[in-house]
Amino acid sequence: MRRIALILAVLIMLALIVGFYPTYVEKPVKDGSGPMAIRLAPELPAPQTHSPLDWWQTHHMDVVNQGHLTQDDCLYCHDPQTSCNNCHNYVGAKPITE
């Protein structure tokens, strides 16, 4: 009886682990598809400062913290709901509010 209870407990724990295991979340991608896609207004060309994009994606806060840009400068072209907060939520950064 004790052995059956132990096997049952192990099976329940395994089922819970499988059931609640975190699923893969796709990385936000510019011009991608799905809910995590980064969408920018197509009528606004990317400024030279955003090139290369890989560098800019990881260092944009350094530029803001150094005072070269303000958050208002960013929000002139970026909509936080479609081009900022997808990435911020993905990496656990503070969401941008207008």
Protein backbone atom coordinates (compact mmCIF):
# COMPACT_ATOMS: atom_id res chain seq x y z
CA MET A 1 0.00 0.00 0.00
CA ARG A 2 2.80 2.36 0.91
CA ARG A 3 4.61 1.59 -2.34
CA ILE A 4 1.50 2.38 -4.41
CA ALA A 5 1.06 5.71 -2.58
CA LEU A 6 4.72 6.59 -3.24
CA ILE A 7 4.45 5.72 -6.95
CA LEU A 8 1.23 7.71 -7.21
CA ALA A 9 2.86 10.73 -5.51
CA VAL A 10 5.82 10.58 -7.89
CA LEU A 11 3.50 10.36 -10.91
CA ILE A 12 1.48 13.35 -9.67
CA MET A 13 4.68 15.37 -9.16
CA LEU A 14 5.89 14.50 -12.66
CA ALA A 15 2.52 15.48 -14.13
CA LEU A 16 2.64 18.82 -12.29
CA ILE A 17 6.21 19.48 -13.46
CA VAL A 18 5.27 18.76 -17.08
CA GLY A 19 2.01 20.73 -16.80
CA PHE A 20 3.55 23.87 -15.30
CA TYR A 21 6.91 23.82 -17.08
CA PRO A 22 7.57 27.23 -18.68
CA THR A 23 6.94 27.27 -22.40
CA TYR A 24 9.21 28.81 -24.98
CA VAL A 25 8.51 32.49 -25.67
CA GLU A 26 9.65 33.73 -29.04
CA LYS A 27 12.11 36.61 -28.95
CA PRO A 28 10.68 39.97 -30.09
CA VAL A 29 11.70 40.66 -33.71
CA LYS A 30 11.38 43.86 -35.72
CA ASP A 31 8.82 43.43 -38.49
CA GLY A 32 8.10 39.92 -37.23
CA SER A 33 4.73 38.26 -36.79
CA GLY A 34 2.74 37.36 -33.73
CA PRO A 35 2.09 39.12 -30.44
CA MET A 36 5.79 39.76 -29.68
CA ALA A 37 6.55 41.45 -33.02
CA ILE A 38 8.09 44.91 -32.91
CA ARG A 39 6.12 47.24 -35.14
CA LEU A 40 7.35 50.68 -36.11
CA ALA A 41 5.54 53.25 -38.21
CA PRO A 42 6.65 52.56 -41.81
CA GLU A 43 6.45 56.23 -42.77
CA LEU A 44 9.19 57.14 -40.29
CA PRO A 45 12.68 56.25 -41.53
CA ALA A 46 15.15 54.92 -38.97
CA PRO A 47 17.67 57.58 -38.00
CA GLN A 48 21.39 56.98 -38.54
CA THR A 49 21.82 56.68 -34.76
CA HIS A 50 19.83 53.41 -34.83
CA SER A 51 22.44 51.70 -36.97
CA PRO A 52 23.55 48.99 -36.40
CA LEU A 53 20.25 47.86 -34.92
CA ASP A 54 21.81 45.08 -32.79
CA TRP A 55 24.00 47.61 -30.96
CA TRP A 56 21.13 50.04 -30.53
CA GLN A 57 18.81 47.41 -29.07
CA THR A 58 21.19 46.66 -26.22
CA HIS A 59 22.58 50.16 -25.60
CA HIS A 60 19.65 52.54 -26.08
CA MET A 61 19.26 53.02 -22.33
CA ASP A 62 22.92 54.09 -22.09
CA VAL A 63 22.20 56.86 -24.61
CA VAL A 64 19.14 57.96 -22.62
CA ASN A 65 21.00 57.80 -19.28
CA GLN A 66 23.84 59.90 -20.69
CA GLY A 67 21.33 62.61 -21.62
CA HIS A 68 21.78 62.41 -25.39
CA LEU A 69 18.08 61.54 -25.77
CA THR A 70 15.05 61.66 -23.50
CA GLN A 71 12.19 59.20 -23.32
CA ASP A 72 10.01 61.83 -25.01
CA ASP A 73 12.42 61.84 -27.97
CA CYS A 74 11.94 58.08 -28.27
CA LEU A 75 8.15 58.28 -27.98
CA TYR A 76 8.03 60.69 -30.92
CA CYS A 77 8.43 57.66 -33.23
CA HIS A 78 7.84 54.65 -30.98
CA ASP A 79 4.49 53.45 -29.63
CA PRO A 80 5.31 51.76 -26.31
CA GLN A 81 2.63 49.10 -26.77
CA THR A 82 3.90 47.89 -30.16
CA SER A 83 7.60 48.76 -30.24
CA CYS A 84 8.94 49.08 -26.68
CA ASN A 85 7.09 47.01 -24.12
CA ASN A 86 7.28 43.74 -26.07
CA CYS A 87 11.05 43.74 -25.57
CA HIS A 88 10.88 45.25 -22.10
CA ASN A 89 8.48 42.49 -20.97
CA TYR A 90 10.65 39.84 -22.63
CA VAL A 91 13.80 40.87 -20.74
CA GLY A 92 12.04 41.92 -17.53
CA ALA A 93 12.73 45.66 -17.87
CA LYS A 94 10.39 48.33 -16.57
CA PRO A 95 7.52 48.98 -19.03
CA ILE A 96 7.42 52.34 -20.80
CA THR A 97 4.42 54.51 -19.98
CA GLU A 98 3.45 57.62 -21.84
